[in-house]
């Protein structure tokens, strides 16, 4: 789901079914190998951005925030490559129990986080 917010920014909400992060990475590697074998890509041209475009999630922006519900403190094979710089929030409640208060707290915390993207 994607909708425009009042200030012109967009909000995108993704739910992935039958998805595995490791399988996505392996598929991306196979895609790169295929492109190199076919002369569509050279090893020297392979960058993070090029590899990202070879993933299943290529058309999905990397998440700024990931919320894990149910009290679990793990990624569980979810978007392993794309989550490199995502902010992670872990809630003890399950998804149906998430309230507006939870979401407001996540947004407020996100606003004050210093994100340096590996720099």
PDB file of N, CA and C in Angstrom:
ATOM      1  N   UNK A   1       0.851  -1.165   0.000  1.00  0.00           N
ATOM      2  CA  UNK A   1       0.000   0.000   0.000  1.00  0.00           C
ATOM      3  C   UNK A   1       0.900   1.231   0.000  1.00  0.00           C
ATOM      4  N   UNK A   2       0.571   2.182  -0.836  1.00  0.00           N
ATOM      5  CA  UNK A   2       1.341   3.420  -0.884  1.00  0.00           C
ATOM      6  C   UNK A   2       0.349   4.575  -0.903  1.00  0.00           C
ATOM      7  N   UNK A   3       0.567   5.549  -0.045  1.00  0.00           N
ATOM      8  CA  UNK A   3      -0.289   6.725  -0.069  1.00  0.00           C
ATOM      9  C   UNK A   3       0.549   7.959   0.170  1.00  0.00           C
ATOM     10  N   UNK A   4       0.111   9.059  -0.381  1.00  0.00           N
ATOM     11  CA  UNK A   4       0.820  10.322  -0.199  1.00  0.00           C
ATOM     12  C   UNK A   4       0.395  10.965   1.105  1.00  0.00           C
ATOM     13  N   UNK A   5       1.361  11.496   1.806  1.00  0.00           N
ATOM     14  CA  UNK A   5       1.103  12.192   3.055  1.00  0.00           C
ATOM     15  C   UNK A   5       0.936  13.677   2.768  1.00  0.00           C
ATOM     16  N   UNK A   6       0.343  14.427   3.702  1.00  0.00           N
ATOM     17  CA  UNK A   6       0.075  15.846   3.468  1.00  0.00           C
ATOM     18  C   UNK A   6       1.301  16.674   3.082  1.00  0.00           C
ATOM     19  N   UNK A   7       2.473  16.351   3.592  1.00  0.00           N
ATOM     20  CA  UNK A   7       3.656  17.159   3.284  1.00  0.00           C
ATOM     21  C   UNK A   7       4.328  16.719   1.982  1.00  0.00           C
ATOM     22  N   UNK A   8       3.676  15.843   1.222  1.00  0.00           N
ATOM     23  CA  UNK A   8       4.213  15.428  -0.070  1.00  0.00           C
ATOM     24  C   UNK A   8       5.064  14.180  -0.013  1.00  0.00           C
ATOM     25  N   UNK A   9       5.380  13.695   1.171  1.00  0.00           N
ATOM     26  CA  UNK A   9       6.136  12.450   1.286  1.00  0.00           C
ATOM     27  C   UNK A   9       5.193  11.272   1.113  1.00  0.00           C
ATOM     28  N   UNK A  10       5.733  10.143   0.776  1.00  0.00           N
ATOM     29  CA  UNK A  10       4.920   8.949   0.582  1.00  0.00           C
ATOM     30  C   UNK A  10       5.187   7.955   1.703  1.00  0.00           C
ATOM     31  N   UNK A  11       4.172   7.236   2.052  1.00  0.00           N
ATOM     32  CA  UNK A  11       4.263   6.167   3.035  1.00  0.00           C
ATOM     33  C   UNK A  11       4.013   4.870   2.287  1.00  0.00           C
ATOM     34  N   UNK A  12       4.908   3.898   2.462  1.00  0.00           N
ATOM     35  CA  UNK A  12       4.723   2.612   1.806  1.00  0.00           C
ATOM     36  C   UNK A  12       4.704   1.533   2.872  1.00  0.00           C
ATOM     37  N   UNK A  13       3.714   0.668   2.819  1.00  0.00           N
ATOM     38  CA  UNK A  13       3.528  -0.409   3.776  1.00  0.00           C
ATOM     39  C   UNK A  13       3.574  -1.711   2.991  1.00  0.00           C
ATOM     40  N   UNK A  14       4.532  -2.583   3.318  1.00  0.00           N
ATOM     41  CA  UNK A  14       4.697  -3.840   2.591  1.00  0.00           C
ATOM     42  C   UNK A  14       4.477  -5.021   3.521  1.00  0.00           C
ATOM     43  N   UNK A  15       3.784  -6.014   3.020  1.00  0.00           N
ATOM     44  CA  UNK A  15       3.648  -7.295   3.700  1.00  0.00           C
ATOM     45  C   UNK A  15       4.110  -8.351   2.710  1.00  0.00           C
ATOM     46  N   UNK A  16       5.068  -9.183   3.105  1.00  0.00           N
ATOM     47  CA  UNK A  16       5.594 -10.203   2.211  1.00  0.00           C
ATOM     48  C   UNK A  16       5.157 -11.585   2.684  1.00  0.00           C
ATOM     49  N   UNK A  17       4.628 -12.384   1.759  1.00  0.00           N
ATOM     50  CA  UNK A  17       4.215 -13.755   2.048  1.00  0.00           C
ATOM     51  C   UNK A  17       5.113 -14.708   1.272  1.00  0.00           C
ATOM     52  N   UNK A  18       5.342 -15.885   1.820  1.00  0.00           N
ATOM     53  CA  UNK A  18       6.160 -16.908   1.159  1.00  0.00           C
ATOM     54  C   UNK A  18       7.495 -16.324   0.723  1.00  0.00           C
ATOM     55  N   UNK A  19       8.130 -15.605   1.596  1.00  0.00           N
ATOM     56  CA  UNK A  19       9.365 -14.890   1.304  1.00  0.00           C
ATOM     57  C   UNK A  19      10.455 -15.383   2.249  1.00  0.00           C
ATOM     58  N   UNK A  20      11.681 -15.472   1.754  1.00  0.00           N
ATOM     59  CA  UNK A  20      12.825 -15.796   2.590  1.00  0.00           C
ATOM     60  C   UNK A  20      14.014 -14.949   2.173  1.00  0.00           C
ATOM     61  N   UNK A  21      14.644 -14.273   3.114  1.00  0.00           N
ATOM     62  CA  UNK A  21      15.768 -13.393   2.823  1.00  0.00           C
ATOM     63  C   UNK A  21      16.967 -14.125   2.237  1.00  0.00           C
ATOM     64  N   UNK A  22      17.272 -15.290   2.768  1.00  0.00           N
ATOM     65  CA  UNK A  22      18.406 -16.053   2.224  1.00  0.00           C
ATOM     66  C   UNK A  22      18.130 -16.470   0.781  1.00  0.00           C
ATOM     67  N   UNK A  23      16.909 -16.918   0.524  1.00  0.00           N
ATOM     68  CA  UNK A  23      16.544 -17.328  -0.826  1.00  0.00           C
ATOM     69  C   UNK A  23      16.617 -16.132  -1.779  1.00  0.00           C
ATOM     70  N   UNK A  24      16.229 -14.957  -1.304  1.00  0.00           N
ATOM     71  CA  UNK A  24      16.303 -13.761  -2.136  1.00  0.00           C
ATOM     72  C   UNK A  24      17.752 -13.442  -2.494  1.00  0.00           C
ATOM     73  N   UNK A  25      18.667 -13.557  -1.538  1.00  0.00           N
ATOM     74  CA  UNK A  25      20.086 -13.282  -1.798  1.00  0.00           C
ATOM     75  C   UNK A  25      20.651 -14.287  -2.797  1.00  0.00           C
ATOM     76  N   UNK A  26      20.354 -15.570  -2.608  1.00  0.00           N
ATOM     77  CA  UNK A  26      20.825 -16.603  -3.547  1.00  0.00           C
ATOM     78  C   UNK A  26      20.274 -16.323  -4.950  1.00  0.00           C
ATOM     79  N   UNK A  27      19.010 -15.973  -5.042  1.00  0.00           N
ATOM     80  CA  UNK A  27      18.413 -15.642  -6.332  1.00  0.00           C
ATOM     81  C   UNK A  27      19.119 -14.442  -6.959  1.00  0.00           C
ATOM     82  N   UNK A  28      19.450 -13.438  -6.145  1.00  0.00           N
ATOM     83  CA  UNK A  28      20.173 -12.268  -6.640  1.00  0.00           C
ATOM     84  C   UNK A  28      21.549 -12.623  -7.165  1.00  0.00           C
ATOM     85  N   UNK A  29      22.254 -13.508  -6.462  1.00  0.00           N
ATOM     86  CA  UNK A  29      23.580 -13.957  -6.909  1.00  0.00           C
ATOM     87  C   UNK A  29      23.457 -14.685  -8.239  1.00  0.00           C
ATOM     88  N   UNK A  30      22.470 -15.566  -8.346  1.00  0.00           N
ATOM     89  CA  UNK A  30      22.261 -16.290  -9.604  1.00  0.00           C
ATOM     90  C   UNK A  30      21.942 -15.314 -10.740  1.00  0.00           C
ATOM     91  N   UNK A  31      21.172 -14.292 -10.442  1.00  0.00           N
ATOM     92  CA  UNK A  31      20.831 -13.278 -11.434  1.00  0.00           C
ATOM     93  C   UNK A  31      22.091 -12.544 -11.906  1.00  0.00           C
ATOM     94  N   UNK A  32      22.977 -12.191 -10.971  1.00  0.00           N
ATOM     95  CA  UNK A  32      24.237 -11.527 -11.323  1.00  0.00           C
ATOM     96  C   UNK A  32      25.103 -12.449 -12.182  1.00  0.00           C
ATOM     97  N   UNK A  33      25.236 -13.708 -11.784  1.00  0.00           N
ATOM     98  CA  UNK A  33      26.035 -14.672 -12.560  1.00  0.00           C
ATOM     99  C   UNK A  33      25.494 -14.783 -13.983  1.00  0.00           C
ATOM    100  N   UNK A  34      24.187 -14.872 -14.113  1.00  0.00           N
ATOM    101  CA  UNK A  34      23.558 -14.953 -15.430  1.00  0.00           C
ATOM    102  C   UNK A  34      23.900 -13.717 -16.268  1.00  0.00           C
ATOM    103  N   UNK A  35      23.810 -12.537 -15.664  1.00  0.00           N
ATOM    104  CA  UNK A  35      24.105 -11.290 -16.388  1.00  0.00           C
ATOM    105  C   UNK A  35      25.574 -11.225 -16.811  1.00  0.00           C
ATOM    106  N   UNK A  36      26.477 -11.698 -15.955  1.00  0.00           N
ATOM    107  CA  UNK A  36      27.902 -11.690 -16.303  1.00  0.00           C
ATOM    108  C   UNK A  36      28.169 -12.682 -17.433  1.00  0.00           C
ATOM    109  N   UNK A  37      27.596 -13.879 -17.325  1.00  0.00           N
ATOM    110  CA  UNK A  37      27.784 -14.887 -18.386  1.00  0.00           C
ATOM    111  C   UNK A  37      27.258 -14.408 -19.729  1.00  0.00           C
ATOM    112  N   UNK A  38      26.172 -13.642 -19.708  1.00  0.00           N
ATOM    113  CA  UNK A  38      25.561 -13.152 -20.950  1.00  0.00           C
ATOM    114  C   UNK A  38      26.163 -11.838 -21.427  1.00  0.00           C
ATOM    115  N   UNK A  39      27.163 -11.336 -20.721  1.00  0.00           N
ATOM    116  CA  UNK A  39      27.812 -10.098 -21.131  1.00  0.00           C
ATOM    117  C   UNK A  39      27.013  -8.840 -20.839  1.00  0.00           C
ATOM    118  N   UNK A  40      25.943  -8.951 -20.074  1.00  0.00           N
ATOM    119  CA  UNK A  40      25.123  -7.789 -19.711  1.00  0.00           C
ATOM    120  C   UNK A  40      25.759  -6.982 -18.593  1.00  0.00           C
ATOM    121  N   UNK A  41      26.729  -7.596 -17.891  1.00  0.00           N
ATOM    122  CA  UNK A  41      27.339  -6.988 -16.713  1.00  0.00           C
ATOM    123  C   UNK A  41      28.757  -7.529 -16.575  1.00  0.00           C
ATOM    124  N   UNK A  42      29.676  -6.676 -16.164  1.00  0.00           N
ATOM    125  CA  UNK A  42      31.033  -7.156 -15.875  1.00  0.00           C
ATOM    126  C   UNK A  42      31.225  -7.164 -14.370  1.00  0.00           C
ATOM    127  N   UNK A  43      32.216  -7.912 -13.921  1.00  0.00           N
ATOM    128  CA  UNK A  43      32.511  -7.954 -12.485  1.00  0.00           C
ATOM    129  C   UNK A  43      32.819  -6.564 -11.951  1.00  0.00           C
ATOM    130  N   UNK A  44      33.504  -5.734 -12.737  1.00  0.00           N
ATOM    131  CA  UNK A  44      33.880  -4.393 -12.311  1.00  0.00           C
ATOM    132  C   UNK A  44      32.657  -3.484 -12.144  1.00  0.00           C
ATOM    133  N   UNK A  45      31.585  -3.790 -12.855  1.00  0.00           N
ATOM    134  CA  UNK A  45      30.365  -2.977 -12.773  1.00  0.00           C
ATOM    135  C   UNK A  45      29.480  -3.354 -11.587  1.00  0.00           C
ATOM    136  N   UNK A  46      29.795  -4.477 -10.953  1.00  0.00           N
ATOM    137  CA  UNK A  46      28.963  -4.944  -9.845  1.00  0.00           C
ATOM    138  C   UNK A  46      29.173  -4.079  -8.608  1.00  0.00           C
ATOM    139  N   UNK A  47      28.127  -3.390  -8.209  1.00  0.00           N
ATOM    140  CA  UNK A  47      28.135  -2.542  -7.022  1.00  0.00           C
ATOM    141  C   UNK A  47      26.956  -2.934  -6.139  1.00  0.00           C
ATOM    142  N   UNK A  48      26.875  -2.340  -4.983  1.00  0.00           N
ATOM    143  CA  UNK A  48      25.743  -2.562  -4.090  1.00  0.00           C
ATOM    144  C   UNK A  48      24.434  -2.208  -4.786  1.00  0.00           C
ATOM    145  N   UNK A  49      24.426  -1.084  -5.503  1.00  0.00           N
ATOM    146  CA  UNK A  49      23.207  -0.646  -6.187  1.00  0.00           C
ATOM    147  C   UNK A  49      22.810  -1.627  -7.293  1.00  0.00           C
ATOM    148  N   UNK A  50      23.793  -2.106  -8.060  1.00  0.00           N
ATOM    149  CA  UNK A  50      23.515  -3.064  -9.132  1.00  0.00           C
ATOM    150  C   UNK A  50      22.973  -4.356  -8.531  1.00  0.00           C
ATOM    151  N   UNK A  51      23.609  -4.850  -7.465  1.00  0.00           N
ATOM    152  CA  UNK A  51      23.141  -6.086  -6.838  1.00  0.00           C
ATOM    153  C   UNK A  51      21.728  -5.912  -6.290  1.00  0.00           C
ATOM    154  N   UNK A  52      21.449  -4.775  -5.670  1.00  0.00           N
ATOM    155  CA  UNK A  52      20.110  -4.518  -5.127  1.00  0.00           C
ATOM    156  C   UNK A  52      19.038  -4.626  -6.198  1.00  0.00           C
ATOM    157  N   UNK A  53      19.368  -4.211  -7.414  1.00  0.00           N
ATOM    158  CA  UNK A  53      18.400  -4.284  -8.520  1.00  0.00           C
ATOM    159  C   UNK A  53      18.184  -5.724  -8.999  1.00  0.00           C
ATOM    160  N   UNK A  54      19.023  -6.657  -8.557  1.00  0.00           N
ATOM    161  CA  UNK A  54      18.889  -8.065  -8.927  1.00  0.00           C
ATOM    162  C   UNK A  54      18.073  -8.855  -7.904  1.00  0.00           C
ATOM    163  N   UNK A  55      17.640  -8.201  -6.845  1.00  0.00           N
ATOM    164  CA  UNK A  55      16.880  -8.877  -5.793  1.00  0.00           C
ATOM    165  C   UNK A  55      15.386  -8.850  -6.085  1.00  0.00           C
ATOM    166  N   UNK A  56      14.644  -9.753  -5.452  1.00  0.00           N
ATOM    167  CA  UNK A  56      13.187  -9.767  -5.591  1.00  0.00           C
ATOM    168  C   UNK A  56      12.593  -8.437  -5.136  1.00  0.00           C
ATOM    169  N   UNK A  57      13.206  -7.835  -4.129  1.00  0.00           N
ATOM    170  CA  UNK A  57      12.686  -6.606  -3.531  1.00  0.00           C
ATOM    171  C   UNK A  57      13.211  -5.349  -4.226  1.00  0.00           C
ATOM    172  N   UNK A  58      13.698  -5.490  -5.445  1.00  0.00           N
ATOM    173  CA  UNK A  58      14.319  -4.365  -6.161  1.00  0.00           C
ATOM    174  C   UNK A  58      13.410  -3.150  -6.277  1.00  0.00           C
ATOM    175  N   UNK A  59      12.122  -3.351  -6.404  1.00  0.00           N
ATOM    176  CA  UNK A  59      11.192  -2.234  -6.575  1.00  0.00           C
ATOM    177  C   UNK A  59      10.628  -1.716  -5.261  1.00  0.00           C
ATOM    178  N   UNK A  60      11.103  -2.264  -4.164  1.00  0.00           N
ATOM    179  CA  UNK A  60      10.623  -1.846  -2.846  1.00  0.00           C
ATOM    180  C   UNK A  60      11.721  -1.027  -2.170  1.00  0.00           C
ATOM    181  N   UNK A  61      11.429   0.186  -1.733  1.00  0.00           N
ATOM    182  CA  UNK A  61      12.467   0.969  -1.040  1.00  0.00           C
ATOM    183  C   UNK A  61      12.959   0.245   0.214  1.00  0.00           C
ATOM    184  N   UNK A  62      14.236   0.427   0.536  1.00  0.00           N
ATOM    185  CA  UNK A  62      14.748  -0.172   1.770  1.00  0.00           C
ATOM    186  C   UNK A  62      13.990   0.437   2.950  1.00  0.00           C
ATOM    187  N   UNK A  63      13.551  -0.390   3.888  1.00  0.00           N
ATOM    188  CA  UNK A  63      12.731   0.123   4.989  1.00  0.00           C
ATOM    189  C   UNK A  63      13.511   1.053   5.915  1.00  0.00           C
ATOM    190  N   UNK A  64      12.886   2.132   6.319  1.00  0.00           N
ATOM    191  CA  UNK A  64      13.455   2.993   7.350  1.00  0.00           C
ATOM    192  C   UNK A  64      13.225   2.367   8.715  1.00  0.00           C
ATOM    193  N   UNK A  65      12.071   1.725   8.874  1.00  0.00           N
ATOM    194  CA  UNK A  65      11.658   1.165  10.158  1.00  0.00           C
ATOM    195  C   UNK A  65      11.085  -0.225   9.939  1.00  0.00           C
ATOM    196  N   UNK A  66      11.462  -1.153  10.804  1.00  0.00           N
ATOM    197  CA  UNK A  66      10.862  -2.481  10.825  1.00  0.00           C
ATOM    198  C   UNK A  66      10.365  -2.729  12.241  1.00  0.00           C
ATOM    199  N   UNK A  67       9.101  -3.119  12.356  1.00  0.00           N
ATOM    200  CA  UNK A  67       8.500  -3.409  13.651  1.00  0.00           C
ATOM    201  C   UNK A  67       8.257  -4.906  13.730  1.00  0.00           C
ATOM    202  N   UNK A  68       8.854  -5.535  14.722  1.00  0.00           N
ATOM    203  CA  UNK A  68       8.667  -6.978  14.948  1.00  0.00           C
ATOM    204  C   UNK A  68       7.775  -7.137  16.166  1.00  0.00           C
ATOM    205  N   UNK A  69       6.647  -7.790  15.984  1.00  0.00           N
ATOM    206  CA  UNK A  69       5.712  -7.993  17.083  1.00  0.00           C
ATOM    207  C   UNK A  69       5.845  -9.397  17.647  1.00  0.00           C
ATOM    208  N   UNK A  70       5.131  -9.663  18.714  1.00  0.00           N
ATOM    209  CA  UNK A  70       5.077 -11.007  19.285  1.00  0.00           C
ATOM    210  C   UNK A  70       6.172 -11.317  20.278  1.00  0.00           C
ATOM    211  N   UNK A  71       6.961 -10.319  20.666  1.00  0.00           N
ATOM    212  CA  UNK A  71       7.985 -10.525  21.675  1.00  0.00           C
ATOM    213  C   UNK A  71       9.272 -11.150  21.180  1.00  0.00           C
ATOM    214  N   UNK A  72       9.344 -11.481  19.901  1.00  0.00           N
ATOM    215  CA  UNK A  72      10.558 -12.075  19.352  1.00  0.00           C
ATOM    216  C   UNK A  72      11.583 -10.989  19.048  1.00  0.00           C
ATOM    217  N   UNK A  73      12.850 -11.286  19.283  1.00  0.00           N
ATOM    218  CA  UNK A  73      13.931 -10.336  19.050  1.00  0.00           C
ATOM    219  C   UNK A  73      14.885 -10.903  17.993  1.00  0.00           C
ATOM    220  N   UNK A  74      14.343 -11.156  16.812  1.00  0.00           N
ATOM    221  CA  UNK A  74      15.146 -11.671  15.705  1.00  0.00           C
ATOM    222  C   UNK A  74      14.501 -11.229  14.395  1.00  0.00           C
ATOM    223  N   UNK A  75      15.276 -11.342  13.307  1.00  0.00           N
ATOM    224  CA  UNK A  75      14.776 -10.943  11.993  1.00  0.00           C
ATOM    225  C   UNK A  75      14.054 -12.074  11.270  1.00  0.00           C
ATOM    226  N   UNK A  76      14.335 -13.301  11.656  1.00  0.00           N
ATOM    227  CA  UNK A  76      13.655 -14.467  11.084  1.00  0.00           C
ATOM    228  C   UNK A  76      13.696 -14.502   9.560  1.00  0.00           C
ATOM    229  N   UNK A  77      14.889 -14.272   8.986  1.00  0.00           N
ATOM    230  CA  UNK A  77      15.093 -14.419   7.548  1.00  0.00           C
ATOM    231  C   UNK A  77      14.316 -13.378   6.736  1.00  0.00           C
ATOM    232  N   UNK A  78      14.039 -12.226   7.340  1.00  0.00           N
ATOM    233  CA  UNK A  78      13.233 -11.195   6.695  1.00  0.00           C
ATOM    234  C   UNK A  78      14.111 -10.080   6.136  1.00  0.00           C
ATOM    235  N   UNK A  79      14.072  -9.869   4.816  1.00  0.00           N
ATOM    236  CA  UNK A  79      14.774  -8.775   4.131  1.00  0.00           C
ATOM    237  C   UNK A  79      16.221  -8.611   4.609  1.00  0.00           C
ATOM    238  N   UNK A  80      16.935  -9.703   4.694  1.00  0.00           N
ATOM    239  CA  UNK A  80      18.283  -9.684   5.273  1.00  0.00           C
ATOM    240  C   UNK A  80      19.218  -8.684   4.610  1.00  0.00           C
ATOM    241  N   UNK A  81      19.156  -8.561   3.305  1.00  0.00           N
ATOM    242  CA  UNK A  81      20.041  -7.629   2.597  1.00  0.00           C
ATOM    243  C   UNK A  81      19.546  -6.190   2.728  1.00  0.00           C
ATOM    244  N   UNK A  82      18.260  -5.995   2.662  1.00  0.00           N
ATOM    245  CA  UNK A  82      17.678  -4.649   2.625  1.00  0.00           C
ATOM    246  C   UNK A  82      17.601  -3.958   3.980  1.00  0.00           C
ATOM    247  N   UNK A  83      17.771  -4.686   5.065  1.00  0.00           N
ATOM    248  CA  UNK A  83      17.621  -4.101   6.400  1.00  0.00           C
ATOM    249  C   UNK A  83      18.914  -3.523   6.981  1.00  0.00           C
ATOM    250  N   UNK A  84      19.950  -3.411   6.182  1.00  0.00           N
ATOM    251  CA  UNK A  84      21.260  -2.991   6.684  1.00  0.00           C
ATOM    252  C   UNK A  84      21.205  -1.709   7.517  1.00  0.00           C
ATOM    253  N   UNK A  85      20.395  -0.741   7.120  1.00  0.00           N
ATOM    254  CA  UNK A  85      20.347   0.536   7.828  1.00  0.00           C
ATOM    255  C   UNK A  85      18.959   0.852   8.362  1.00  0.00           C
ATOM    256  N   UNK A  86      18.122  -0.160   8.500  1.00  0.00           N
ATOM    257  CA  UNK A  86      16.775   0.043   9.033  1.00  0.00           C
ATOM    258  C   UNK A  86      16.820   0.126  10.552  1.00  0.00           C
ATOM    259  N   UNK A  87      15.918   0.920  11.093  1.00  0.00           N
ATOM    260  CA  UNK A  87      15.744   0.992  12.536  1.00  0.00           C
ATOM    261  C   UNK A  87      14.796  -0.133  12.940  1.00  0.00           C
ATOM    262  N   UNK A  88      15.149  -0.874  13.976  1.00  0.00           N
ATOM    263  CA  UNK A  88      14.371  -2.034  14.398  1.00  0.00           C
ATOM    264  C   UNK A  88      13.649  -1.744  15.706  1.00  0.00           C
ATOM    265  N   UNK A  89      12.376  -2.116  15.764  1.00  0.00           N
ATOM    266  CA  UNK A  89      11.565  -1.972  16.968  1.00  0.00           C
ATOM    267  C   UNK A  89      10.929  -3.312  17.263  1.00  0.00           C
ATOM    268  N   UNK A  90      10.995  -3.705  18.528  1.00  0.00           N
ATOM    269  CA  UNK A  90      10.462  -4.983  18.948  1.00  0.00           C
ATOM    270  C   UNK A  90       9.363  -4.733  19.968  1.00  0.00           C
ATOM    271  N   UNK A  91       8.171  -5.235  19.689  1.00  0.00           N
ATOM    272  CA  UNK A  91       7.030  -5.077  20.587  1.00  0.00           C
ATOM    273  C   UNK A  91       6.653  -6.434  21.162  1.00  0.00           C
ATOM    274  N   UNK A  92       6.272  -6.453  22.438  1.00  0.00           N
ATOM    275  CA  UNK A  92       5.877  -7.695  23.084  1.00  0.00           C
ATOM    276  C   UNK A  92       4.476  -8.150  22.678  1.00  0.00           C
ATOM    277  N   UNK A  93       3.664  -7.232  22.184  1.00  0.00           N
ATOM    278  CA  UNK A  93       2.309  -7.599  21.779  1.00  0.00           C
ATOM    279  C   UNK A  93       2.302  -8.157  20.357  1.00  0.00           C
ATOM    280  N   UNK A  94       1.197  -8.794  19.990  1.00  0.00           N
ATOM    281  CA  UNK A  94       1.032  -9.307  18.628  1.00  0.00           C
ATOM    282  C   UNK A  94       0.413  -8.234  17.745  1.00  0.00           C
ATOM    283  N   UNK A  95       0.516  -8.421  16.406  1.00  0.00           N
ATOM    284  CA  UNK A  95       0.077  -7.408  15.448  1.00  0.00           C
ATOM    285  C   UNK A  95      -1.347  -6.892  15.716  1.00  0.00           C
ATOM    286  N   UNK A  96      -2.334  -7.756  15.963  1.00  0.00           N
ATOM    287  CA  UNK A  96      -3.686  -7.201  16.166  1.00  0.00           C
ATOM    288  C   UNK A  96      -3.792  -6.291  17.396  1.00  0.00           C
ATOM    289  N   UNK A  97      -2.844  -6.408  18.329  1.00  0.00           N
ATOM    290  CA  UNK A  97      -2.889  -5.625  19.564  1.00  0.00           C
ATOM    291  C   UNK A  97      -2.110  -4.313  19.475  1.00  0.00           C
ATOM    292  N   UNK A  98      -1.457  -4.043  18.352  1.00  0.00           N
ATOM    293  CA  UNK A  98      -0.692  -2.813  18.191  1.00  0.00           C
ATOM    294  C   UNK A  98      -1.665  -1.638  18.180  1.00  0.00           C
ATOM    295  N   UNK A  99      -1.357  -0.649  19.007  1.00  0.00           N
ATOM    296  CA  UNK A  99      -2.243   0.504  19.141  1.00  0.00           C
ATOM    297  C   UNK A  99      -1.630   1.748  18.505  1.00  0.00           C
ATOM    298  N   UNK A 100      -2.423   2.771  18.406  1.00  0.00           N
ATOM    299  CA  UNK A 100      -1.934   4.053  17.907  1.00  0.00           C
ATOM    300  C   UNK A 100      -0.821   4.577  18.813  1.00  0.00           C
ATOM    301  N   UNK A 101      -0.930   4.308  20.104  1.00  0.00           N
ATOM    302  CA  UNK A 101       0.102   4.732  21.052  1.00  0.00           C
ATOM    303  C   UNK A 101       1.450   4.074  20.720  1.00  0.00           C
ATOM    304  N   UNK A 102       1.436   2.779  20.407  1.00  0.00           N
ATOM    305  CA  UNK A 102       2.667   2.092  19.997  1.00  0.00           C
ATOM    306  C   UNK A 102       3.280   2.787  18.788  1.00  0.00           C
ATOM    307  N   UNK A 103       2.445   3.032  17.773  1.00  0.00           N
ATOM    308  CA  UNK A 103       2.934   3.639  16.537  1.00  0.00           C
ATOM    309  C   UNK A 103       3.463   5.050  16.773  1.00  0.00           C
ATOM    310  N   UNK A 104       2.775   5.828  17.599  1.00  0.00           N
ATOM    311  CA  UNK A 104       3.254   7.182  17.926  1.00  0.00           C
ATOM    312  C   UNK A 104       4.609   7.125  18.623  1.00  0.00           C
ATOM    313  N   UNK A 105       4.779   6.167  19.529  1.00  0.00           N
ATOM    314  CA  UNK A 105       6.049   6.011  20.242  1.00  0.00           C
ATOM    315  C   UNK A 105       7.172   5.665  19.274  1.00  0.00           C
ATOM    316  N   UNK A 106       6.908   4.782  18.313  1.00  0.00           N
ATOM    317  CA  UNK A 106       7.905   4.402  17.311  1.00  0.00           C
ATOM    318  C   UNK A 106       8.286   5.610  16.464  1.00  0.00           C
ATOM    319  N   UNK A 107       7.298   6.368  16.014  1.00  0.00           N
ATOM    320  CA  UNK A 107       7.560   7.554  15.187  1.00  0.00           C
ATOM    321  C   UNK A 107       8.365   8.583  15.968  1.00  0.00           C
ATOM    322  N   UNK A 108       7.986   8.837  17.219  1.00  0.00           N
ATOM    323  CA  UNK A 108       8.709   9.818  18.037  1.00  0.00           C
ATOM    324  C   UNK A 108      10.158   9.384  18.260  1.00  0.00           C
ATOM    325  N   UNK A 109      10.371   8.113  18.525  1.00  0.00           N
ATOM    326  CA  UNK A 109      11.729   7.602  18.712  1.00  0.00           C
ATOM    327  C   UNK A 109      12.532   7.718  17.423  1.00  0.00           C
ATOM    328  N   UNK A 110      11.894   7.395  16.298  1.00  0.00           N
ATOM    329  CA  UNK A 110      12.571   7.467  15.003  1.00  0.00           C
ATOM    330  C   UNK A 110      13.014   8.892  14.682  1.00  0.00           C
ATOM    331  N   UNK A 111      12.198   9.868  15.042  1.00  0.00           N
ATOM    332  CA  UNK A 111      12.510  11.277  14.759  1.00  0.00           C
ATOM    333  C   UNK A 111      13.816  11.727  15.405  1.00  0.00           C
ATOM    334  N   UNK A 112      14.177  11.165  16.543  1.00  0.00           N
ATOM    335  CA  UNK A 112      15.377  11.616  17.262  1.00  0.00           C
ATOM    336  C   UNK A 112      16.586  10.713  17.029  1.00  0.00           C
ATOM    337  N   UNK A 113      16.419   9.646  16.283  1.00  0.00           N
ATOM    338  CA  UNK A 113      17.555   8.767  15.991  1.00  0.00           C
ATOM    339  C   UNK A 113      18.504   9.441  15.011  1.00  0.00           C
ATOM    340  N   UNK A 114      19.792   9.293  15.267  1.00  0.00           N
ATOM    341  CA  UNK A 114      20.802   9.793  14.338  1.00  0.00           C
ATOM    342  C   UNK A 114      21.163   8.636  13.426  1.00  0.00           C
ATOM    343  N   UNK A 115      20.842   8.784  12.168  1.00  0.00           N
ATOM    344  CA  UNK A 115      21.088   7.718  11.192  1.00  0.00           C
ATOM    345  C   UNK A 115      22.292   8.108  10.364  1.00  0.00           C
ATOM    346  N   UNK A 116      23.357   7.303  10.402  1.00  0.00           N
ATOM    347  CA  UNK A 116      24.576   7.656   9.672  1.00  0.00           C
ATOM    348  C   UNK A 116      24.849   6.735   8.487  1.00  0.00           C
ATOM    349  N   UNK A 117      24.032   5.727   8.268  1.00  0.00           N
ATOM    350  CA  UNK A 117      24.138   4.840   7.110  1.00  0.00           C
ATOM    351  C   UNK A 117      25.544   4.314   6.903  1.00  0.00           C
ATOM    352  N   UNK A 118      26.176   3.886   7.995  1.00  0.00           N
ATOM    353  CA  UNK A 118      27.485   3.255   7.918  1.00  0.00           C
ATOM    354  C   UNK A 118      28.664   4.209   7.813  1.00  0.00           C
ATOM    355  N   UNK A 119      28.420   5.489   7.948  1.00  0.00           N
ATOM    356  CA  UNK A 119      29.514   6.472   7.817  1.00  0.00           C
ATOM    357  C   UNK A 119      30.091   6.810   9.163  1.00  0.00           C
TER     358      UNK A 119
END
